[in-house]
Amino acid sequence: MQAAISEATRRRQIQLTYNEEHGINASTIRRNISDILLGAESDSTPLPKGKGRRSRQREELSLPRDELVRLVQSLESEMHEAAKGLRFEYAARLRDEVAVLRRELKALA
């Protein structure tokens, strides 16, 4: 526990020194809860017929089945990389898109 505290203190000192040298005045971001909720609402607004952006683009391009399979594999790979990189919101969006693509593949079968 002491090692973690010492490391945090060391990093904090480095950050403070950097901020001082570059004239940065760090301050807390203050937002109203309603602003946060509105931002989250706009990110998760459902799209018509449960289709994502890529789905609509794909409809315009009308990709063949094998291309859809490759797209699913590519998105799954990207999703796993995002999760490894701790970008969980992005990984969740990719997961949802993969689910939509899999339903479309079932419909084509």
Protein backbone atom coordinates (compact mmCIF):
# COMPACT_ATOMS: atom_id res chain seq x y z
CA MET A 1 0.00 0.00 0.00
CA GLN A 2 2.81 2.38 0.85
CA ALA A 3 4.44 1.75 -2.55
CA ALA A 4 1.22 2.78 -4.32
CA ILE A 5 0.90 5.93 -2.23
CA SER A 6 4.55 6.82 -2.87
CA GLU A 7 4.09 6.31 -6.63
CA ALA A 8 0.97 8.48 -6.67
CA THR A 9 2.80 11.22 -4.76
CA ARG A 10 5.78 11.01 -7.14
CA ARG A 11 3.52 11.29 -10.21
CA ARG A 12 1.53 14.14 -8.67
CA GLN A 13 4.78 16.08 -8.09
CA ILE A 14 5.86 15.51 -11.70
CA GLN A 15 2.47 16.75 -12.93
CA LEU A 16 2.58 19.83 -10.70
CA THR A 17 6.09 20.69 -11.92
CA TYR A 18 5.02 20.27 -15.55
CA ASN A 19 1.94 22.44 -15.00
CA GLU A 20 4.04 25.16 -13.38
CA GLU A 21 6.62 25.17 -16.19
CA HIS A 22 3.94 25.43 -18.88
CA GLY A 23 1.65 27.90 -17.11
CA ILE A 24 -1.19 25.42 -16.72
CA ASN A 25 -3.70 26.17 -14.00
CA ALA A 26 -5.45 22.88 -13.32
CA SER A 27 -9.04 23.16 -12.19
CA THR A 28 -11.92 20.82 -11.61
CA ILE A 29 -14.46 20.45 -14.38
CA ARG A 30 -17.82 21.47 -13.03
CA ARG A 31 -20.90 20.27 -14.85
CA ASN A 32 -24.52 20.10 -13.90
CA ILE A 33 -25.99 16.64 -13.64
CA SER A 34 -28.52 17.59 -16.31
CA ASP A 35 -25.64 18.33 -18.73
CA ILE A 36 -24.15 14.90 -18.10
CA LEU A 37 -27.52 13.19 -18.56
CA LEU A 38 -28.18 15.08 -21.80
CA GLY A 39 -24.77 14.04 -23.11
CA ALA A 40 -25.38 10.41 -22.23
CA GLU A 41 -28.84 10.57 -23.76
CA SER A 42 -27.51 11.82 -27.09
CA ASP A 43 -24.89 9.05 -27.16
CA SER A 44 -27.43 6.31 -26.60
CA THR A 45 -30.32 7.57 -28.70
CA PRO A 46 -31.85 4.53 -30.36
CA LEU A 47 -31.65 4.48 -34.11
CA PRO A 48 -34.65 3.58 -36.27
CA LYS A 49 -35.40 -0.15 -36.53
CA GLY A 50 -32.48 -0.95 -34.20
CA LYS A 51 -29.94 -0.38 -36.98
CA GLY A 52 -26.54 1.21 -36.40
CA ARG A 53 -24.64 3.60 -38.61
CA ARG A 54 -22.70 0.80 -40.22
CA SER A 55 -25.94 -1.09 -40.86
CA ARG A 56 -27.37 1.82 -42.80
CA GLN A 57 -24.16 2.24 -44.75
CA ARG A 58 -24.15 -1.46 -45.51
CA GLU A 59 -27.74 -1.31 -46.77
CA GLU A 60 -26.71 1.38 -49.20
CA LEU A 61 -23.77 -0.71 -50.37
CA SER A 62 -25.67 -4.05 -50.13
CA LEU A 63 -22.64 -6.12 -49.16
CA PRO A 64 -22.60 -9.81 -49.98
CA ARG A 65 -22.81 -12.40 -47.20
CA ASP A 66 -19.07 -13.19 -47.15
CA GLU A 67 -18.28 -9.50 -46.76
CA LEU A 68 -20.67 -9.31 -43.82
CA VAL A 69 -18.92 -12.28 -42.21
CA ARG A 70 -15.54 -10.56 -42.62
CA LEU A 71 -16.97 -7.34 -41.22
CA VAL A 72 -18.26 -9.21 -38.14
CA GLN A 73 -14.85 -10.78 -37.60
CA SER A 74 -13.13 -7.44 -38.01
CA LEU A 75 -15.48 -5.71 -35.57
CA GLU A 76 -15.09 -8.52 -33.03
CA SER A 77 -11.33 -8.19 -33.22
CA GLU A 78 -11.59 -4.42 -32.81
CA MET A 79 -14.00 -4.93 -29.88
CA HIS A 80 -11.55 -7.23 -28.08
CA GLU A 81 -8.69 -4.78 -28.63
CA ALA A 82 -10.83 -1.93 -27.29
CA ALA A 83 -11.63 -3.98 -24.19
CA LYS A 84 -7.94 -4.79 -23.68
CA GLY A 85 -7.24 -1.06 -23.97
CA LEU A 86 -9.89 -0.40 -21.29
CA ARG A 87 -12.14 1.45 -23.75
CA PHE A 88 -15.25 -0.31 -22.53
CA GLU A 89 -17.88 2.07 -23.90
CA TYR A 90 -16.44 1.76 -27.39
CA ALA A 91 -16.21 -2.02 -27.00
CA ALA A 92 -19.87 -2.13 -25.94
CA ARG A 93 -20.91 -0.15 -29.02
CA LEU A 94 -18.97 -2.57 -31.20
CA ARG A 95 -20.59 -5.50 -29.40
CA ASP A 96 -24.02 -4.06 -30.16
CA GLU A 97 -23.10 -3.55 -33.80
CA VAL A 98 -21.85 -7.13 -34.06
CA ALA A 99 -25.18 -8.33 -32.64
CA VAL A 100 -27.05 -6.39 -35.33
CA LEU A 101 -24.80 -7.84 -38.03
CA ARG A 102 -25.29 -11.37 -36.74
CA ARG A 103 -29.08 -10.92 -36.89
CA GLU A 104 -28.74 -9.71 -40.46
CA LEU A 105 -26.61 -12.73 -41.32
CA LYS A 106 -29.27 -15.03 -39.85
CA ALA A 107 -31.89 -13.26 -41.94
CA LEU A 108 -29.82 -13.87 -45.08
CA ALA A 109 -29.38 -17.58 -44.29
